[in-house]
Amino acid sequence: MAIVVHSSPLLWTRLAAMVFACVAFSVAVHGAQLKHGTVDWCIFCWAFSFAGTLLVILIELFGLQTRAPVSWKNFPITFACYAALLCLSASIIFPVYYLKGSFSQNTVQDYRIVSTVFSCLATIAYMSEVSISKARPGEVAGYMATAPGLLKVCETFVACIIFVFISDPVLYDRHEAYKYCMSVYCICFILSAAIILLCIGECTGCLPFPFARFLSAYALLAVVLYLSATIIWPIFNFDPKNGGTKDRPSGCGNAMGLCIWDKTMTVAVLTGVNFILYLADLIYSTRLVFVSA
């Protein structure tokens, strides 16, 4: 089996991202003296990004794109976008939990700083890969290489982060309004993830209705649902009239990581972020329908 090497900015960007992610998790595991818990997520982000990028590079080196059980127009850029978001989350979470207020030995602190720096470098490299791979105006490309496709990746990732904060500890079982917001997050996440899987598996033609119109209708539904959640979540969490707490508790400043109030506020902010993402998705999807028509 012949190895085909085409030197290009995309290949070098992938190699750089792979190396940066490898260094980040290798240094963290070797000398950062970390306990199990939050760091497991960071290690997963770096290791998953490294392994996936290595797989993509090997498939392209051996020319196996046509034998892969996925759409090669959609899979690499989808993975790169997820890897960028994963490394970005690790670049934020790792220093918050392991550098903020840390008084460890100098060597341990140095290892943690190195991991953080290389995580940031990996994030930049993956973002560069997405920028290189995304569809240009007038270019024929897979749906995931377009703006709506990349927005779908961001929407599902933000939803996953919401699930993390809303479930540890459980924040949605105290009121029916919280359960409604949780159902909004779940419904939109499942449908967005299904769209991504349909595109990667090249199964969009199997649907009994036009895919473009389905995207537009779903984006409209998601905007309405997230708009309601963006209003309801803060009202019942931060308005004293509805049993909420407006001011940040004094104890949160001494807590390691994020306290419950901080997590509740983070969920509110991320809900607003996802609403903006779905609104942009709706605009792009509507334009897609008109262009197709």
Protein backbone atom coordinates (compact mmCIF):
# COMPACT_ATOMS: atom_id res chain seq x y z
CA MET A 1 0.00 0.00 0.00
CA ALA A 2 1.61 3.24 -1.20
CA ILE A 3 1.98 6.21 1.10
CA VAL A 4 0.93 9.48 -0.50
CA VAL A 5 2.43 12.62 1.05
CA HIS A 6 1.15 15.97 -0.20
CA SER A 7 2.86 18.76 1.71
CA SER A 8 0.30 21.47 2.38
CA PRO A 9 -0.59 24.04 5.05
CA LEU A 10 -3.44 21.75 6.14
CA LEU A 11 -1.10 18.79 6.75
CA TRP A 12 1.40 20.87 8.72
CA THR A 13 -1.41 22.42 10.75
CA ARG A 14 -2.72 18.97 11.65
CA LEU A 15 0.75 17.77 12.61
CA ALA A 16 1.25 20.82 14.82
CA ALA A 17 -2.13 20.34 16.50
CA MET A 18 -1.38 16.65 17.11
CA VAL A 19 2.02 17.40 18.65
CA PHE A 20 0.65 20.19 20.86
CA ALA A 21 -2.19 17.99 22.16
CA CYS A 22 0.24 15.12 22.78
CA VAL A 23 2.61 17.35 24.78
CA ALA A 24 -0.29 18.79 26.80
CA PHE A 25 -1.60 15.47 28.11
CA SER A 26 1.86 13.84 28.37
CA VAL A 27 3.22 16.61 30.60
CA ALA A 28 0.04 16.69 32.70
CA VAL A 29 0.14 12.95 33.31
CA HIS A 30 3.89 12.83 33.92
CA GLY A 31 4.59 15.57 36.42
CA ALA A 32 1.57 17.73 37.26
CA GLN A 33 0.54 15.56 40.26
CA LEU A 34 -3.16 15.67 39.48
CA LYS A 35 -5.98 13.86 41.25
CA HIS A 36 -8.86 12.18 39.44
CA GLY A 37 -11.89 14.36 38.79
CA THR A 38 -11.94 17.48 36.67
CA VAL A 39 -8.52 16.72 35.22
CA ASP A 40 -9.93 13.53 33.66
CA TRP A 41 -11.96 15.72 31.31
CA CYS A 42 -8.89 17.72 30.31
CA ILE A 43 -6.85 14.58 29.69
CA PHE A 44 -9.71 13.19 27.59
CA CYS A 45 -9.86 16.39 25.52
CA TRP A 46 -6.16 16.30 24.70
CA ALA A 47 -5.91 12.54 24.16
CA PHE A 48 -9.07 12.37 22.03
CA SER A 49 -7.89 15.25 19.86
CA PHE A 50 -4.46 13.66 19.43
CA ALA A 51 -5.84 10.21 18.54
CA GLY A 52 -8.44 11.55 16.12
CA THR A 53 -5.95 13.77 14.31
CA LEU A 54 -3.49 10.88 14.02
CA LEU A 55 -6.27 8.75 12.50
CA VAL A 56 -7.17 11.45 9.95
CA ILE A 57 -3.52 11.90 8.95
CA LEU A 58 -2.95 8.15 8.53
CA ILE A 59 -6.08 7.69 6.43
CA GLU A 60 -5.03 10.48 4.09
CA LEU A 61 -1.40 9.28 3.94
CA PHE A 62 -2.51 5.81 2.86
CA GLY A 63 -5.24 7.15 0.55
CA LEU A 64 -8.06 5.34 2.33
CA GLN A 65 -10.61 8.17 2.18
CA THR A 66 -12.88 6.29 -0.25
CA ARG A 67 -12.87 3.20 1.99
CA ALA A 68 -13.75 5.09 5.14
CA PRO A 69 -17.35 4.47 6.30
CA VAL A 70 -17.93 8.23 6.61
CA SER A 71 -18.15 11.21 4.30
CA TRP A 72 -14.63 12.56 3.96
CA LYS A 73 -16.04 15.93 2.87
CA ASN A 74 -17.63 16.26 6.30
CA PHE A 75 -15.72 14.17 8.84
CA PRO A 76 -12.26 15.85 9.07
CA ILE A 77 -13.56 19.38 9.53
CA THR A 78 -16.22 18.20 11.97
CA PHE A 79 -13.59 16.49 14.06
CA ALA A 80 -11.25 19.50 13.86
CA CYS A 81 -14.01 21.80 15.08
CA TYR A 82 -14.82 19.51 18.01
CA ALA A 83 -11.11 19.18 18.80
CA ALA A 84 -10.74 22.98 18.83
CA LEU A 85 -13.65 23.32 21.23
CA LEU A 86 -12.42 20.46 23.45
CA CYS A 87 -8.93 21.93 23.72
CA LEU A 88 -10.41 25.37 24.34
CA SER A 89 -12.50 24.01 27.22
CA ALA A 90 -9.43 22.25 28.66
CA SER A 91 -7.41 25.46 28.31
CA ILE A 92 -9.99 27.23 30.48
CA ILE A 93 -10.89 24.49 32.97
CA PHE A 94 -7.35 23.24 33.69
CA PRO A 95 -5.89 26.57 34.91
CA VAL A 96 -9.09 27.43 36.80
CA TYR A 97 -8.84 24.24 38.87
CA TYR A 98 -5.08 23.68 39.00
CA LEU A 99 -3.40 27.08 38.68
CA LYS A 100 -5.77 29.47 40.46
CA GLY A 101 -4.61 29.85 44.04
CA SER A 102 -2.17 26.97 43.68
CA PHE A 103 0.84 26.92 46.01
CA SER A 104 2.37 23.66 44.84
CA GLN A 105 6.08 23.00 44.46
CA ASN A 106 7.75 24.95 41.67
CA THR A 107 8.36 21.88 39.50
CA VAL A 108 4.72 20.77 39.69
CA GLN A 109 3.55 24.31 38.93
CA ASP A 110 5.86 24.43 35.90
CA TYR A 111 4.38 21.19 34.53
CA ARG A 112 0.87 22.59 34.90
CA ILE A 113 1.82 25.83 33.16
CA VAL A 114 3.40 23.90 30.28
CA SER A 115 0.26 21.81 29.85
CA THR A 116 -1.87 24.95 29.78
CA VAL A 117 0.38 26.66 27.21
CA PHE A 118 0.41 23.66 24.86
CA SER A 119 -3.35 23.26 25.27
CA CYS A 120 -3.76 26.85 24.09
CA LEU A 121 -1.40 26.18 21.18
CA ALA A 122 -3.42 23.09 20.23
CA THR A 123 -6.60 25.18 20.31
CA ILE A 124 -5.07 27.74 17.95
CA ALA A 125 -3.82 24.98 15.62
CA TYR A 126 -7.25 23.29 15.42
CA MET A 127 -8.94 26.64 14.80
CA SER A 128 -6.45 27.21 11.98
CA GLU A 129 -7.33 23.82 10.51
CA VAL A 130 -11.02 24.69 10.57
CA SER A 131 -10.28 28.04 8.92
CA ILE A 132 -8.26 26.33 6.16
CA SER A 133 -10.83 23.57 5.58
CA LYS A 134 -14.07 25.55 5.68
CA ALA A 135 -15.98 26.17 2.46
CA ARG A 136 -15.23 29.32 0.50
CA PRO A 137 -17.93 31.32 -1.37
CA GLY A 138 -18.90 29.48 -4.54
CA GLU A 139 -16.98 26.34 -3.54
CA VAL A 140 -18.71 22.94 -3.63
CA ALA A 141 -18.19 21.35 -0.20
CA GLY A 142 -19.89 19.17 2.38
CA TYR A 143 -22.55 20.65 4.63
CA MET A 144 -20.30 20.42 7.71
CA ALA A 145 -17.74 22.66 6.00
CA THR A 146 -20.29 25.46 5.71
CA ALA A 147 -21.23 28.00 8.36
CA PRO A 148 -24.47 26.20 9.38
CA GLY A 149 -22.58 22.91 9.75
CA LEU A 150 -19.91 24.45 11.95
CA LEU A 151 -22.60 26.17 13.99
CA LYS A 152 -24.20 22.76 14.61
CA VAL A 153 -20.92 21.56 16.10
CA CYS A 154 -20.72 24.62 18.36
CA GLU A 155 -24.37 24.20 19.43
CA THR A 156 -23.92 20.58 20.47
CA PHE A 157 -20.67 21.34 22.28
CA VAL A 158 -22.16 24.24 24.25
CA ALA A 159 -25.08 21.96 25.17
CA CYS A 160 -22.63 19.35 26.49
CA ILE A 161 -20.95 21.98 28.66
CA ILE A 162 -24.39 22.99 29.95
CA PHE A 163 -25.09 19.35 30.84
CA VAL A 164 -21.84 19.19 32.82
CA PHE A 165 -22.63 22.28 34.90
CA ILE A 166 -26.32 21.53 35.34
CA SER A 167 -25.74 17.96 36.51
CA ASP A 168 -22.91 18.33 39.06
CA PRO A 169 -24.64 19.01 41.38
CA VAL A 170 -28.11 18.54 39.89
CA LEU A 171 -29.60 22.00 39.37
CA TYR A 172 -32.74 21.21 37.38
CA ASP A 173 -34.88 19.20 39.84
CA ARG A 174 -35.92 22.05 42.17
CA HIS A 175 -38.67 23.54 40.01
CA GLU A 176 -40.74 22.67 36.95
CA ALA A 177 -39.24 25.66 35.14
CA TYR A 178 -35.75 24.15 35.50
CA LYS A 179 -36.99 20.84 34.13
CA TYR A 180 -38.45 22.67 31.13
CA CYS A 181 -35.08 24.28 30.43
CA MET A 182 -33.38 20.90 30.74
CA SER A 183 -35.84 19.44 28.21
CA VAL A 184 -35.01 22.31 25.81
CA TYR A 185 -31.29 21.56 26.09
CA CYS A 186 -31.88 17.84 25.52
CA ILE A 187 -34.27 18.17 22.55
CA CYS A 188 -32.07 20.62 20.67
CA PHE A 189 -28.92 18.66 21.41
CA ILE A 190 -30.40 15.39 20.15
CA LEU A 191 -31.71 16.91 16.92
CA SER A 192 -28.47 18.81 16.20
CA ALA A 193 -26.40 15.69 16.88
CA ALA A 194 -28.69 13.68 14.59
CA ILE A 195 -28.15 16.21 11.78
CA ILE A 196 -24.38 15.97 12.21
CA LEU A 197 -24.50 12.16 12.10
CA LEU A 198 -26.71 12.22 9.00
CA CYS A 199 -24.20 14.46 7.23
CA ILE A 200 -21.15 12.46 8.27
CA GLY A 201 -22.87 9.23 7.24
CA GLU A 202 -24.16 10.78 3.98
CA CYS A 203 -27.72 9.75 4.86
CA THR A 204 -29.45 13.08 4.23
CA GLY A 205 -30.90 11.79 0.95
CA CYS A 206 -32.78 9.06 2.82
CA LEU A 207 -35.08 11.56 4.52
CA PRO A 208 -38.69 11.68 3.22
CA PHE A 209 -38.55 15.50 3.03
CA PRO A 210 -36.11 18.12 1.69
CA PHE A 211 -33.11 18.35 4.00
CA ALA A 212 -32.69 22.12 3.54
CA ARG A 213 -36.28 22.85 4.56
CA PHE A 214 -35.94 20.55 7.57
CA LEU A 215 -32.84 22.50 8.66
CA SER A 216 -34.69 25.80 8.39
CA ALA A 217 -37.74 24.52 10.30
CA TYR A 218 -35.61 22.99 13.02
CA ALA A 219 -33.50 26.15 13.40
CA LEU A 220 -36.70 28.18 13.89
CA LEU A 221 -37.95 25.72 16.52
CA ALA A 222 -34.59 25.78 18.32
CA VAL A 223 -34.53 29.60 18.36
CA VAL A 224 -37.99 29.72 19.96
CA LEU A 225 -37.11 27.06 22.54
CA TYR A 226 -33.78 28.62 23.49
CA LEU A 227 -35.30 32.09 23.66
CA SER A 228 -37.78 30.79 26.26
CA ALA A 229 -34.99 29.05 28.20
CA THR A 230 -32.83 32.19 28.06
CA ILE A 231 -35.66 34.07 29.79
CA ILE A 232 -36.89 31.38 32.20
CA TRP A 233 -33.56 30.14 33.62
CA PRO A 234 -32.36 33.53 34.98
CA ILE A 235 -35.80 34.51 36.27
CA PHE A 236 -36.16 31.44 38.48
CA ASN A 237 -32.50 31.36 39.56
CA PHE A 238 -31.63 35.01 40.18
CA ASP A 239 -34.95 36.80 40.87
CA PRO A 240 -35.66 36.80 44.65
CA LYS A 241 -39.40 37.00 43.91
CA ASN A 242 -39.17 33.52 42.41
CA GLY A 243 -36.87 32.04 45.03
CA GLY A 244 -33.62 32.95 43.30
CA THR A 245 -30.42 34.51 44.65
CA LYS A 246 -29.42 37.76 42.99
CA ASP A 247 -26.06 38.34 44.69
CA ARG A 248 -23.09 36.00 44.55
CA PRO A 249 -22.54 34.30 47.96
CA SER A 250 -19.38 35.40 49.77
CA GLY A 251 -18.26 31.78 50.14
CA CYS A 252 -17.86 31.41 46.36
CA GLY A 253 -14.66 33.45 46.43
CA ASN A 254 -12.94 30.86 48.61
CA ALA A 255 -14.20 27.78 46.79
CA MET A 256 -11.88 25.78 44.52
CA GLY A 257 -13.25 25.86 41.00
CA LEU A 258 -16.87 27.00 40.67
CA CYS A 259 -19.52 27.12 43.39
CA ILE A 260 -23.21 26.36 42.72
CA TRP A 261 -24.08 30.02 42.08
CA ASP A 262 -21.22 30.29 39.59
CA LYS A 263 -22.38 27.15 37.79
CA THR A 264 -25.94 28.48 37.66
CA MET A 265 -24.69 31.75 36.18
CA THR A 266 -22.54 29.83 33.69
CA VAL A 267 -25.58 27.86 32.53
CA ALA A 268 -27.47 31.14 32.04
CA VAL A 269 -24.62 32.62 29.97
CA LEU A 270 -24.19 29.46 27.88
CA THR A 271 -27.93 29.35 27.25
CA GLY A 272 -27.71 32.87 25.84
CA VAL A 273 -24.68 31.87 23.76
CA ASN A 274 -26.54 28.91 22.27
CA PHE A 275 -29.54 31.12 21.52
CA ILE A 276 -27.26 33.42 19.49
CA LEU A 277 -25.74 30.41 17.72
CA TYR A 278 -29.16 29.03 16.80
CA LEU A 279 -30.28 32.48 15.63
CA ALA A 280 -27.27 32.68 13.31
CA ASP A 281 -28.02 29.11 12.21
CA LEU A 282 -31.58 30.12 11.36
CA ILE A 283 -30.36 33.03 9.23
CA TYR A 284 -27.89 30.85 7.32
CA SER A 285 -30.38 27.98 6.94
CA THR A 286 -33.07 30.31 5.59
CA ARG A 287 -30.60 31.66 3.04
CA LEU A 288 -29.75 28.05 2.13
CA VAL A 289 -33.40 27.32 1.38
CA PHE A 290 -33.76 30.41 -0.82
CA VAL A 291 -30.51 29.63 -2.68
CA SER A 292 -31.63 26.03 -3.24
CA ALA A 293 -35.01 27.26 -4.49
